[in-house]
C-alpha atoms as a PDB file:
ATOM      1  CA  UNK A   1      18.222 -10.056   8.689  1.00  0.00           C
ATOM      2  CA  UNK A   2      15.086 -11.837  10.245  1.00  0.00           C
ATOM      3  CA  UNK A   3      14.179  -8.992  12.796  1.00  0.00           C
ATOM      4  CA  UNK A   4      10.660  -8.632  13.202  1.00  0.00           C
ATOM      5  CA  UNK A   5      10.317  -5.004  12.339  1.00  0.00           C
ATOM      6  CA  UNK A   6      11.780  -5.367   9.143  1.00  0.00           C
ATOM      7  CA  UNK A   7       9.387  -7.613   8.192  1.00  0.00           C
ATOM      8  CA  UNK A   8       6.696  -5.974   8.632  1.00  0.00           C
ATOM      9  CA  UNK A   9       7.951  -2.429   7.206  1.00  0.00           C
ATOM     10  CA  UNK A  10       8.605  -4.875   4.117  1.00  0.00           C
ATOM     11  CA  UNK A  11       4.964  -5.601   3.998  1.00  0.00           C
ATOM     12  CA  UNK A  12       4.234  -2.036   4.427  1.00  0.00           C
ATOM     13  CA  UNK A  13       6.096  -0.557   1.239  1.00  0.00           C
ATOM     14  CA  UNK A  14       3.925  -0.367  -1.928  1.00  0.00           C
ATOM     15  CA  UNK A  15       5.552  -2.369  -4.817  1.00  0.00           C
ATOM     16  CA  UNK A  16       7.883   0.092  -7.318  1.00  0.00           C
ATOM     17  CA  UNK A  17       7.845   2.750  -4.467  1.00  0.00           C
ATOM     18  CA  UNK A  18      10.666   5.057  -4.558  1.00  0.00           C
ATOM     19  CA  UNK A  19      12.176   4.379  -1.505  1.00  0.00           C
ATOM     20  CA  UNK A  20      14.734   6.287   0.828  1.00  0.00           C
ATOM     21  CA  UNK A  21      16.475   4.266   3.539  1.00  0.00           C
ATOM     22  CA  UNK A  22      17.801   6.323   6.117  1.00  0.00           C
ATOM     23  CA  UNK A  23      21.051   4.660   8.259  1.00  0.00           C
ATOM     24  CA  UNK A  24      20.894   1.798   5.505  1.00  0.00           C
ATOM     25  CA  UNK A  25      23.890   0.126   6.896  1.00  0.00           C
ATOM     26  CA  UNK A  26      25.617  -2.716   4.654  1.00  0.00           C
ATOM     27  CA  UNK A  27      22.421  -2.248   2.449  1.00  0.00           C
ATOM     28  CA  UNK A  28      20.849  -5.502   3.110  1.00  0.00           C
ATOM     29  CA  UNK A  29      17.309  -4.545   3.939  1.00  0.00           C
ATOM     30  CA  UNK A  30      17.634  -2.045   1.375  1.00  0.00           C
ATOM     31  CA  UNK A  31      18.322  -4.865  -1.286  1.00  0.00           C
ATOM     32  CA  UNK A  32      15.590  -7.101   0.311  1.00  0.00           C
ATOM     33  CA  UNK A  33      13.158  -4.093  -0.709  1.00  0.00           C
ATOM     34  CA  UNK A  34      14.178  -4.033  -4.308  1.00  0.00           C
ATOM     35  CA  UNK A  35      14.151  -7.396  -4.934  1.00  0.00           C
ATOM     36  CA  UNK A  36      10.933  -8.444  -2.893  1.00  0.00           C
ATOM     37  CA  UNK A  37       9.004  -5.220  -3.585  1.00  0.00           C
ATOM     38  CA  UNK A  38      10.556  -3.985  -6.546  1.00  0.00           C
ATOM     39  CA  UNK A  39      11.655  -0.650  -5.037  1.00  0.00           C
ATOM     40  CA  UNK A  40      13.795   1.717  -6.540  1.00  0.00           C
ATOM     41  CA  UNK A  41      16.023   2.575  -3.719  1.00  0.00           C
ATOM     42  CA  UNK A  42      18.183   5.142  -2.088  1.00  0.00           C
ATOM     43  CA  UNK A  43      20.420   4.433   0.990  1.00  0.00           C
ATOM     44  CA  UNK A  44      21.791   6.980   3.392  1.00  0.00           C
ATOM     45  CA  UNK A  45      24.726   6.290   5.758  1.00  0.00           C
ATOM     46  CA  UNK A  46      27.623   7.616   7.221  1.00  0.00           C
ATOM     47  CA  UNK A  47      29.742   4.975   7.982  1.00  0.00           C
ATOM     48  CA  UNK A  48      32.592   4.635   5.018  1.00  0.00           C
ATOM     49  CA  UNK A  49      32.716   1.011   5.107  1.00  0.00           C
ATOM     50  CA  UNK A  50      28.660   0.506   5.097  1.00  0.00           C
ATOM     51  CA  UNK A  51      28.834   2.534   2.027  1.00  0.00           C
ATOM     52  CA  UNK A  52      31.534   0.515   0.404  1.00  0.00           C
ATOM     53  CA  UNK A  53      29.156  -2.823   1.363  1.00  0.00           C
ATOM     54  CA  UNK A  54      26.339  -1.345   0.107  1.00  0.00           C
ATOM     55  CA  UNK A  55      27.777   0.096  -3.256  1.00  0.00           C
ATOM     56  CA  UNK A  56      29.054  -3.761  -3.561  1.00  0.00           C
ATOM     57  CA  UNK A  57      25.406  -4.874  -3.815  1.00  0.00           C
ATOM     58  CA  UNK A  58      24.676  -2.792  -6.623  1.00  0.00           C
ATOM     59  CA  UNK A  59      22.749  -0.126  -4.482  1.00  0.00           C
ATOM     60  CA  UNK A  60      22.484   3.782  -4.784  1.00  0.00           C
ATOM     61  CA  UNK A  61      23.710   5.002  -1.455  1.00  0.00           C
ATOM     62  CA  UNK A  62      24.629   8.821  -0.551  1.00  0.00           C
ATOM     63  CA  UNK A  63      27.165   9.246   2.452  1.00  0.00           C
ATOM     64  CA  UNK A  64      25.387  11.867   4.811  1.00  0.00           C
ATOM     65  CA  UNK A  65      24.733  12.644   8.626  1.00  0.00           C
ATOM     66  CA  UNK A  66      21.035  12.352   9.169  1.00  0.00           C
ATOM     67  CA  UNK A  67      21.500  14.653  11.635  1.00  0.00           C
ATOM     68  CA  UNK A  68      22.299  17.363   9.677  1.00  0.00           C
ATOM     69  CA  UNK A  69      18.736  17.520   8.157  1.00  0.00           C
ATOM     70  CA  UNK A  70      19.238  15.803   5.150  1.00  0.00           C
ATOM     71  CA  UNK A  71      18.972  19.066   3.251  1.00  0.00           C
ATOM     72  CA  UNK A  72      20.009  17.421  -0.225  1.00  0.00           C
ATOM     73  CA  UNK A  73      16.564  16.075  -0.800  1.00  0.00           C
ATOM     74  CA  UNK A  74      13.536  18.082  -1.802  1.00  0.00           C
ATOM     75  CA  UNK A  75       9.985  17.862  -0.665  1.00  0.00           C
ATOM     76  CA  UNK A  76       8.038  14.579  -1.717  1.00  0.00           C
ATOM     77  CA  UNK A  77      10.625  13.117  -3.739  1.00  0.00           C
ATOM     78  CA  UNK A  78      10.059   9.718  -2.377  1.00  0.00           C
ATOM     79  CA  UNK A  79       6.950   7.522  -1.786  1.00  0.00           C
ATOM     80  CA  UNK A  80       8.422   6.060   1.361  1.00  0.00           C
ATOM     81  CA  UNK A  81      10.825   7.401   3.748  1.00  0.00           C
ATOM     82  CA  UNK A  82      12.470   4.565   6.099  1.00  0.00           C
ATOM     83  CA  UNK A  83      13.941   4.702   9.643  1.00  0.00           C
ATOM     84  CA  UNK A  84      14.451   1.372  11.324  1.00  0.00           C
ATOM     85  CA  UNK A  85      16.124   1.161  14.890  1.00  0.00           C
ATOM     86  CA  UNK A  86      17.785   4.220  14.423  1.00  0.00           C
ATOM     87  CA  UNK A  87      15.480   6.824  15.695  1.00  0.00           C
ATOM     88  CA  UNK A  88      17.113   6.547  19.304  1.00  0.00           C
ATOM     89  CA  UNK A  89      20.593   7.121  18.002  1.00  0.00           C
ATOM     90  CA  UNK A  90      19.545  10.831  16.692  1.00  0.00           C
ATOM     91  CA  UNK A  91      20.918  13.764  17.940  1.00  0.00           C
ATOM     92  CA  UNK A  92      17.540  15.483  17.026  1.00  0.00           C
ATOM     93  CA  UNK A  93      15.072  12.737  16.496  1.00  0.00           C
ATOM     94  CA  UNK A  94      12.152  15.272  16.341  1.00  0.00           C
ATOM     95  CA  UNK A  95      13.972  17.201  13.340  1.00  0.00           C
ATOM     96  CA  UNK A  96      14.559  14.006  11.479  1.00  0.00           C
ATOM     97  CA  UNK A  97      10.700  13.081  11.885  1.00  0.00           C
ATOM     98  CA  UNK A  98       9.959  16.553  10.082  1.00  0.00           C
ATOM     99  CA  UNK A  99      12.167  16.070   7.488  1.00  0.00           C
ATOM    100  CA  UNK A 100      10.863  12.404   6.835  1.00  0.00           C
ATOM    101  CA  UNK A 101       7.468  13.170   6.319  1.00  0.00           C
ATOM    102  CA  UNK A 102       8.610  16.334   4.278  1.00  0.00           C
ATOM    103  CA  UNK A 103      10.787  14.671   1.812  1.00  0.00           C
ATOM    104  CA  UNK A 104       8.257  11.318   1.498  1.00  0.00           C
ATOM    105  CA  UNK A 105       4.727  11.002   0.791  1.00  0.00           C
ATOM    106  CA  UNK A 106       4.848   9.071   4.114  1.00  0.00           C
ATOM    107  CA  UNK A 107       7.411   7.428   6.393  1.00  0.00           C
ATOM    108  CA  UNK A 108       8.001   4.330   8.126  1.00  0.00           C
ATOM    109  CA  UNK A 109       9.777   4.165  11.862  1.00  0.00           C
ATOM    110  CA  UNK A 110      10.614   1.579  13.875  1.00  0.00           C
ATOM    111  CA  UNK A 111      12.720   1.629  17.459  1.00  0.00           C
ATOM    112  CA  UNK A 112      12.972  -0.235  20.281  1.00  0.00           C
ATOM    113  CA  UNK A 113      10.520   0.599  23.238  1.00  0.00           C
ATOM    114  CA  UNK A 114      12.125   1.416  26.322  1.00  0.00           C
ATOM    115  CA  UNK A 115       8.766   1.027  28.338  1.00  0.00           C
ATOM    116  CA  UNK A 116       8.621  -2.330  27.711  1.00  0.00           C
ATOM    117  CA  UNK A 117       7.789  -4.077  31.483  1.00  0.00           C
ATOM    118  CA  UNK A 118      11.514  -5.815  31.153  1.00  0.00           C
ATOM    119  CA  UNK A 119      13.394  -2.677  31.035  1.00  0.00           C
ATOM    120  CA  UNK A 120      11.196  -1.539  33.717  1.00  0.00           C
ATOM    121  CA  UNK A 121      11.765  -4.198  35.847  1.00  0.00           C
ATOM    122  CA  UNK A 122      15.314  -4.847  35.512  1.00  0.00           C
ATOM    123  CA  UNK A 123      15.897  -1.056  36.197  1.00  0.00           C
ATOM    124  CA  UNK A 124      13.683  -1.338  39.117  1.00  0.00           C
ATOM    125  CA  UNK A 125      15.371  -4.381  40.754  1.00  0.00           C
ATOM    126  CA  UNK A 126      18.886  -3.605  39.839  1.00  0.00           C
ATOM    127  CA  UNK A 127      19.050   0.154  39.486  1.00  0.00           C
ATOM    128  CA  UNK A 128      21.085  -0.434  36.123  1.00  0.00           C
ATOM    129  CA  UNK A 129      20.227   0.104  32.985  1.00  0.00           C
ATOM    130  CA  UNK A 130      19.467  -3.106  31.054  1.00  0.00           C
ATOM    131  CA  UNK A 131      21.719  -5.312  28.909  1.00  0.00           C
ATOM    132  CA  UNK A 132      19.916  -7.828  26.901  1.00  0.00           C
ATOM    133  CA  UNK A 133      19.955  -9.599  23.645  1.00  0.00           C
ATOM    134  CA  UNK A 134      18.061  -6.909  21.838  1.00  0.00           C
ATOM    135  CA  UNK A 135      19.818  -4.199  23.729  1.00  0.00           C
ATOM    136  CA  UNK A 136      23.567  -6.105  24.160  1.00  0.00           C
ATOM    137  CA  UNK A 137      25.579  -2.527  24.928  1.00  0.00           C
ATOM    138  CA  UNK A 138      26.245  -1.298  28.108  1.00  0.00           C
ATOM    139  CA  UNK A 139      24.920   2.687  28.836  1.00  0.00           C
ATOM    140  CA  UNK A 140      28.246   4.108  28.389  1.00  0.00           C
ATOM    141  CA  UNK A 141      28.873   1.926  25.059  1.00  0.00           C
ATOM    142  CA  UNK A 142      25.578   2.329  23.153  1.00  0.00           C
ATOM    143  CA  UNK A 143      24.720   4.276  20.202  1.00  0.00           C
ATOM    144  CA  UNK A 144      21.428   4.957  22.078  1.00  0.00           C
ATOM    145  CA  UNK A 145      20.921   8.670  23.548  1.00  0.00           C
ATOM    146  CA  UNK A 146      17.688   9.217  23.201  1.00  0.00           C
ATOM    147  CA  UNK A 147      15.519   6.513  25.313  1.00  0.00           C
ATOM    148  CA  UNK A 148      11.665   6.493  23.904  1.00  0.00           C
ATOM    149  CA  UNK A 149       8.537   4.567  24.723  1.00  0.00           C
ATOM    150  CA  UNK A 150       5.436   4.262  22.663  1.00  0.00           C
ATOM    151  CA  UNK A 151       3.512   6.791  24.076  1.00  0.00           C
ATOM    152  CA  UNK A 152       6.480   9.212  23.886  1.00  0.00           C
ATOM    153  CA  UNK A 153       6.704   8.735  20.162  1.00  0.00           C
ATOM    154  CA  UNK A 154       3.049   9.341  19.897  1.00  0.00           C
ATOM    155  CA  UNK A 155       2.790  12.050  21.792  1.00  0.00           C
ATOM    156  CA  UNK A 156       5.771  13.522  19.812  1.00  0.00           C
ATOM    157  CA  UNK A 157       4.013  12.963  16.522  1.00  0.00           C
ATOM    158  CA  UNK A 158       0.946  14.723  18.063  1.00  0.00           C
ATOM    159  CA  UNK A 159       3.206  17.855  18.895  1.00  0.00           C
ATOM    160  CA  UNK A 160       4.560  17.792  15.306  1.00  0.00           C
ATOM    161  CA  UNK A 161       1.476  17.453  13.679  1.00  0.00           C
ATOM    162  CA  UNK A 162       2.310  14.292  12.157  1.00  0.00           C
ATOM    163  CA  UNK A 163      -0.685  11.613  11.317  1.00  0.00           C
ATOM    164  CA  UNK A 164      -0.072   8.050  12.445  1.00  0.00           C
ATOM    165  CA  UNK A 165      -1.163   5.860   9.801  1.00  0.00           C
ATOM    166  CA  UNK A 166      -0.807   2.456  11.216  1.00  0.00           C
ATOM    167  CA  UNK A 167       0.958   0.929  14.356  1.00  0.00           C
ATOM    168  CA  UNK A 168       2.513  -2.769  14.549  1.00  0.00           C
ATOM    169  CA  UNK A 169       4.087  -4.078  17.367  1.00  0.00           C
ATOM    170  CA  UNK A 170       6.826  -6.762  18.322  1.00  0.00           C
ATOM    171  CA  UNK A 171       6.454  -8.928  21.217  1.00  0.00           C
ATOM    172  CA  UNK A 172       7.298 -12.044  22.611  1.00  0.00           C
ATOM    173  CA  UNK A 173       5.089 -15.120  21.401  1.00  0.00           C
ATOM    174  CA  UNK A 174       3.436 -15.189  24.724  1.00  0.00           C
ATOM    175  CA  UNK A 175       2.801 -11.685  24.881  1.00  0.00           C
ATOM    176  CA  UNK A 176       1.963 -11.036  21.150  1.00  0.00           C
ATOM    177  CA  UNK A 177      -1.631  -9.955  21.989  1.00  0.00           C
ATOM    178  CA  UNK A 178      -0.928  -7.938  25.144  1.00  0.00           C
ATOM    179  CA  UNK A 179       1.838  -6.088  22.844  1.00  0.00           C
ATOM    180  CA  UNK A 180      -0.893  -5.200  20.764  1.00  0.00           C
ATOM    181  CA  UNK A 181      -3.408  -4.153  23.141  1.00  0.00           C
ATOM    182  CA  UNK A 182      -0.800  -2.268  25.665  1.00  0.00           C
ATOM    183  CA  UNK A 183       2.084  -1.567  23.640  1.00  0.00           C
ATOM    184  CA  UNK A 184       3.704   1.113  25.832  1.00  0.00           C
ATOM    185  CA  UNK A 185       4.331  -2.250  28.300  1.00  0.00           C
ATOM    186  CA  UNK A 186       4.313  -5.100  26.518  1.00  0.00           C
ATOM    187  CA  UNK A 187       5.807  -4.321  22.954  1.00  0.00           C
ATOM    188  CA  UNK A 188       9.473  -5.010  22.322  1.00  0.00           C
ATOM    189  CA  UNK A 189       9.664  -2.624  19.793  1.00  0.00           C
ATOM    190  CA  UNK A 190       6.897  -0.372  17.571  1.00  0.00           C
ATOM    191  CA  UNK A 191       6.879   0.158  13.896  1.00  0.00           C
ATOM    192  CA  UNK A 192       4.757   3.089  12.469  1.00  0.00           C
ATOM    193  CA  UNK A 193       3.565   4.535   9.195  1.00  0.00           C
ATOM    194  CA  UNK A 194       3.049   8.091   9.471  1.00  0.00           C
ATOM    195  CA  UNK A 195       2.487  11.182   7.200  1.00  0.00           C
ATOM    196  CA  UNK A 196       2.507  15.073   7.339  1.00  0.00           C
ATOM    197  CA  UNK A 197      -1.036  16.145   9.102  1.00  0.00           C
ATOM    198  CA  UNK A 198      -3.453  17.694   6.853  1.00  0.00           C
ATOM    199  CA  UNK A 199      -4.559  19.876   9.673  1.00  0.00           C
END
């Protein structure tokens, strides 16, 4: 649970917020939000084993498929809706983003950047999709179905009339500043605070 994107998300959640954690897994991060930020949290996951684990931690969780639209939640029910490293696994990520900024005052999204120079180099030199510590599965066995870059995400937000409030990047220690200034090439993952545009 020492992922750098999660540390950024944690810092962006205001104390005492009503939080919806989409794809909450076993509930470890949601529990951390509740303990460290005083969040009042609800988790969503589809996996029964994850739900049992989250409930055993004393968390409120709902079994629902994010791809089905999250229709059980009303407009602006939450202060913050969170989706960490799962956007690329969704069937219709654009629809999920629209729902997130509909049911939350704002949303926080993190995802691996498939435009990172190592991904580009590996694919260019070997002709194969990369397998790494961050992406340990082969192309045929990965849950990732929509490969997204920083530029792709920002263009999608613009198309959906979603405002980007803040962006943070995750990069290796030697590339920290490069990741900040040229995120599409040097950030291994990115974290965004977004909200529905007032335009």
